[in-house]
Amino acid sequence: MAGRLTPRVVDFLDKAELTALLGEPLPADNEARAQTLREQLSGYVASRKDDNWPMPTTRLSRRSKATGW
């Protein structure tokens, strides 16, 4: 599963959603679209690197007693 996030996102979204996410001109094939998305995510992470770092130590996934989720 490692390295499959961006191809899976590209496969899931339709052309209009990909254009909104990646901009125009939209890369021609899904591999190029996944690479563009990967680069955008990497740039975003780099720009936010110092924001709220280190990560909070509280757990983010506490299950609700009512729903079990």
Protein backbone atom coordinates (compact mmCIF):
# COMPACT_ATOMS: atom_id res chain seq x y z
CA MET A 1 0.00 0.00 0.00
CA ALA A 2 2.98 2.32 0.48
CA GLY A 3 3.21 4.98 -2.19
CA ARG A 4 -0.33 4.38 -3.46
CA LEU A 5 -2.19 7.34 -1.93
CA THR A 6 -1.86 9.75 -4.85
CA PRO A 7 -2.70 7.19 -7.58
CA ARG A 8 -5.74 6.10 -5.58
CA VAL A 9 -6.93 9.70 -5.16
CA VAL A 10 -6.44 10.33 -8.89
CA ASP A 11 -8.38 7.17 -9.75
CA PHE A 12 -11.21 8.15 -7.40
CA LEU A 13 -11.77 11.75 -8.57
CA ASP A 14 -13.49 12.72 -11.81
CA LYS A 15 -11.94 15.10 -14.37
CA ALA A 16 -13.67 18.21 -12.98
CA GLU A 17 -12.49 17.43 -9.44
CA LEU A 18 -8.95 16.76 -10.65
CA THR A 19 -8.91 20.04 -12.56
CA ALA A 20 -10.05 21.90 -9.44
CA LEU A 21 -7.36 20.17 -7.38
CA LEU A 22 -4.45 20.21 -9.82
CA GLY A 23 -5.27 23.20 -12.00
CA GLU A 24 -5.11 23.59 -15.74
CA PRO A 25 -3.75 22.29 -17.94
CA LEU A 26 -4.55 18.93 -16.41
CA PRO A 27 -1.71 16.43 -16.90
CA ALA A 28 -2.47 14.00 -19.72
CA ASP A 29 -2.38 10.64 -17.92
CA ASN A 30 -3.07 9.35 -14.44
CA GLU A 31 0.60 8.71 -13.66
CA ALA A 32 1.47 12.35 -14.41
CA ARG A 33 -1.58 13.50 -12.42
CA ALA A 34 -0.48 11.41 -9.44
CA GLN A 35 3.03 12.89 -9.66
CA THR A 36 1.61 16.43 -9.77
CA LEU A 37 -0.55 15.71 -6.74
CA ARG A 38 2.44 14.18 -4.93
CA GLU A 39 4.47 17.34 -5.61
CA GLN A 40 1.64 19.59 -4.42
CA LEU A 41 1.25 17.59 -1.21
CA SER A 42 4.99 17.66 -0.62
CA GLY A 43 5.08 21.43 -1.10
CA TYR A 44 2.16 21.88 1.25
CA VAL A 45 3.76 19.75 3.94
CA ALA A 46 7.06 21.62 3.57
CA SER A 47 5.26 24.97 3.91
CA ARG A 48 3.52 23.80 7.10
CA LYS A 49 6.49 22.00 8.60
CA ASP A 50 6.98 24.42 11.49
CA ASP A 51 3.28 24.95 12.23
CA ASN A 52 2.28 23.24 15.49
CA TRP A 53 5.30 21.01 15.47
CA PRO A 54 5.85 18.67 17.22
CA MET A 55 2.47 17.08 16.85
CA PRO A 56 0.15 17.20 19.85
CA THR A 57 0.47 14.16 22.06
CA THR A 58 -3.26 13.70 22.62
CA ARG A 59 -5.01 10.87 20.84
CA LEU A 60 -7.13 11.89 17.90
CA SER A 61 -9.18 8.71 17.53
CA ARG A 62 -11.09 8.25 20.73
CA ARG A 63 -14.06 6.00 20.26
CA SER A 64 -17.50 7.26 21.12
CA LYS A 65 -19.08 5.21 23.85
CA ALA A 66 -22.47 5.57 22.17
CA THR A 67 -21.51 4.44 18.67
CA GLY A 68 -18.38 2.40 19.26
CA TRP A 69 -16.54 4.52 16.69
